[in-house]
C-alpha atoms as a PDB file:
ATOM      1  CA  MET A   1     193.414  47.042   6.793  1.00  0.00           C
ATOM      2  CA  THR A   2     192.904  45.228  10.138  1.00  0.00           C
ATOM      3  CA  GLY A   3     193.385  46.865  13.632  1.00  0.00           C
ATOM      4  CA  ILE A   4     192.060  46.477  17.015  1.00  0.00           C
ATOM      5  CA  THR A   5     188.337  46.292  17.487  1.00  0.00           C
ATOM      6  CA  PRO A   6     186.688  48.452  20.143  1.00  0.00           C
ATOM      7  CA  ASP A   7     185.539  45.302  22.014  1.00  0.00           C
ATOM      8  CA  GLN A   8     189.502  44.383  22.319  1.00  0.00           C
ATOM      9  CA  ALA A   9     190.377  47.815  23.296  1.00  0.00           C
ATOM     10  CA  ARG A  10     187.922  47.697  26.098  1.00  0.00           C
ATOM     11  CA  ALA A  11     189.111  44.165  27.316  1.00  0.00           C
ATOM     12  CA  ASN A  12     192.786  45.673  27.507  1.00  0.00           C
ATOM     13  CA  ALA A  13     191.600  48.654  29.420  1.00  0.00           C
ATOM     14  CA  ASP A  14     189.903  46.408  32.009  1.00  0.00           C
ATOM     15  CA  LEU A  15     192.946  44.243  32.412  1.00  0.00           C
ATOM     16  CA  ALA A  16     195.247  47.300  32.823  1.00  0.00           C
ATOM     17  CA  GLY A  17     195.895  48.433  36.406  1.00  0.00           C
ATOM     18  CA  ARG A  18     198.162  48.236  39.277  1.00  0.00           C
ATOM     19  CA  THR A  19     197.972  46.781  42.952  1.00  0.00           C
ATOM     20  CA  THR A  20     197.601  49.003  46.099  1.00  0.00           C
ATOM     21  CA  GLY A  21     201.167  47.406  47.020  1.00  0.00           C
ATOM     22  CA  GLU A  22     202.736  48.636  43.482  1.00  0.00           C
ATOM     23  CA  PHE A  23     201.436  52.115  44.395  1.00  0.00           C
ATOM     24  CA  ILE A  24     202.659  51.966  47.861  1.00  0.00           C
ATOM     25  CA  GLN A  25     205.878  50.779  46.409  1.00  0.00           C
ATOM     26  CA  ASP A  26     206.188  53.979  44.350  1.00  0.00           C
ATOM     27  CA  PHE A  27     204.807  56.310  47.115  1.00  0.00           C
ATOM     28  CA  ASP A  28     207.564  54.773  49.350  1.00  0.00           C
ATOM     29  CA  LEU A  29     210.652  55.585  46.924  1.00  0.00           C
ATOM     30  CA  SER A  30     209.003  59.188  46.763  1.00  0.00           C
ATOM     31  CA  ILE A  31     208.794  59.393  50.145  1.00  0.00           C
ATOM     32  CA  ASP A  32     212.396  58.450  50.411  1.00  0.00           C
ATOM     33  CA  ALA A  33     213.672  60.748  47.668  1.00  0.00           C
ATOM     34  CA  ASN A  34     211.963  63.777  48.812  1.00  0.00           C
ATOM     35  CA  SER A  35     212.479  63.500  52.664  1.00  0.00           C
ATOM     36  CA  ARG A  36     216.074  63.615  51.825  1.00  0.00           C
ATOM     37  CA  LYS A  37     215.602  66.865  50.000  1.00  0.00           C
ATOM     38  CA  GLY A  38     213.967  68.335  53.432  1.00  0.00           C
ATOM     39  CA  GLU A  39     210.444  67.715  52.007  1.00  0.00           C
ATOM     40  CA  ARG A  40     207.851  67.261  54.386  1.00  0.00           C
ATOM     41  CA  ARG A  41     205.229  65.930  52.168  1.00  0.00           C
ATOM     42  CA  ILE A  42     204.168  64.730  48.604  1.00  0.00           C
ATOM     43  CA  VAL A  43     201.104  64.769  46.422  1.00  0.00           C
ATOM     44  CA  VAL A  44     200.333  61.609  44.589  1.00  0.00           C
ATOM     45  CA  SER A  45     197.987  60.672  41.973  1.00  0.00           C
ATOM     46  CA  LEU A  46     196.291  57.068  41.326  1.00  0.00           C
ATOM     47  CA  PRO A  47     194.943  57.340  37.877  1.00  0.00           C
ATOM     48  CA  ARG A  48     191.581  56.078  37.123  1.00  0.00           C
ATOM     49  CA  GLY A  49     193.049  53.889  34.012  1.00  0.00           C
ATOM     50  CA  LEU A  50     195.320  52.409  36.603  1.00  0.00           C
ATOM     51  CA  ALA A  51     193.437  52.594  39.836  1.00  0.00           C
ATOM     52  CA  ARG A  52     190.313  50.970  40.762  1.00  0.00           C
ATOM     53  CA  GLU A  53     187.760  52.080  43.139  1.00  0.00           C
ATOM     54  CA  GLY A  54     188.769  51.635  46.827  1.00  0.00           C
ATOM     55  CA  GLN A  55     192.390  51.675  46.294  1.00  0.00           C
ATOM     56  CA  ALA A  56     192.729  54.931  47.205  1.00  0.00           C
ATOM     57  CA  GLU A  57     191.070  54.481  50.740  1.00  0.00           C
ATOM     58  CA  ALA A  58     193.541  51.323  50.910  1.00  0.00           C
ATOM     59  CA  VAL A  59     196.621  53.703  50.279  1.00  0.00           C
ATOM     60  CA  MET A  60     195.431  56.204  52.721  1.00  0.00           C
ATOM     61  CA  THR A  61     194.792  53.518  55.412  1.00  0.00           C
ATOM     62  CA  HIS A  62     198.098  52.143  54.734  1.00  0.00           C
ATOM     63  CA  TYR A  63     199.975  55.453  55.478  1.00  0.00           C
ATOM     64  CA  GLN A  64     197.977  56.362  58.424  1.00  0.00           C
ATOM     65  CA  ASP A  65     198.303  53.130  60.154  1.00  0.00           C
ATOM     66  CA  ARG A  66     202.092  53.453  59.725  1.00  0.00           C
ATOM     67  CA  GLY A  67     201.789  57.084  61.284  1.00  0.00           C
ATOM     68  CA  TYR A  68     201.745  59.179  58.243  1.00  0.00           C
ATOM     69  CA  MET A  69     199.439  62.332  57.846  1.00  0.00           C
ATOM     70  CA  VAL A  70     197.150  61.730  54.666  1.00  0.00           C
ATOM     71  CA  GLU A  71     194.732  63.835  53.085  1.00  0.00           C
ATOM     72  CA  GLN A  72     192.404  63.198  50.217  1.00  0.00           C
ATOM     73  CA  LEU A  73     192.901  66.558  48.296  1.00  0.00           C
ATOM     74  CA  SER A  74     190.410  65.636  45.327  1.00  0.00           C
ATOM     75  CA  VAL A  75     188.865  63.397  43.304  1.00  0.00           C
ATOM     76  CA  THR A  76     188.684  63.961  39.429  1.00  0.00           C
ATOM     77  CA  GLY A  77     187.318  62.152  36.601  1.00  0.00           C
ATOM     78  CA  GLN A  78     191.132  61.443  35.930  1.00  0.00           C
ATOM     79  CA  ALA A  79     192.495  60.336  39.348  1.00  0.00           C
ATOM     80  CA  TRP A  80     192.518  60.446  43.135  1.00  0.00           C
ATOM     81  CA  HIS A  81     194.829  63.037  44.241  1.00  0.00           C
ATOM     82  CA  LEU A  82     196.533  62.404  47.933  1.00  0.00           C
ATOM     83  CA  GLN A  83     198.997  64.344  50.070  1.00  0.00           C
ATOM     84  CA  ILE A  84     200.844  62.284  52.204  1.00  0.00           C
ATOM     85  CA  GLY A  85     202.825  64.129  55.057  1.00  0.00           C
ATOM     86  CA  TRP A  86     205.413  63.218  57.727  1.00  0.00           C
END
């Protein structure tokens, strides 16, 4: 029986990921949906398997520049957690 090797699995994981723009697009959709329900904030996560170092800061800066209130809630081994408020 043949299967994926550990080296192939690591290479796949290294190629996985999302751009900062993709995260922002998803968060914008969530902001729109939640604001229509009367909410004033969302809590989002950038999973470590999909996000890279620096992306959480880039997302925070992007929203702050647009006038949102942004707070980093926590950083864990699994994700960066942000609160975006309006």
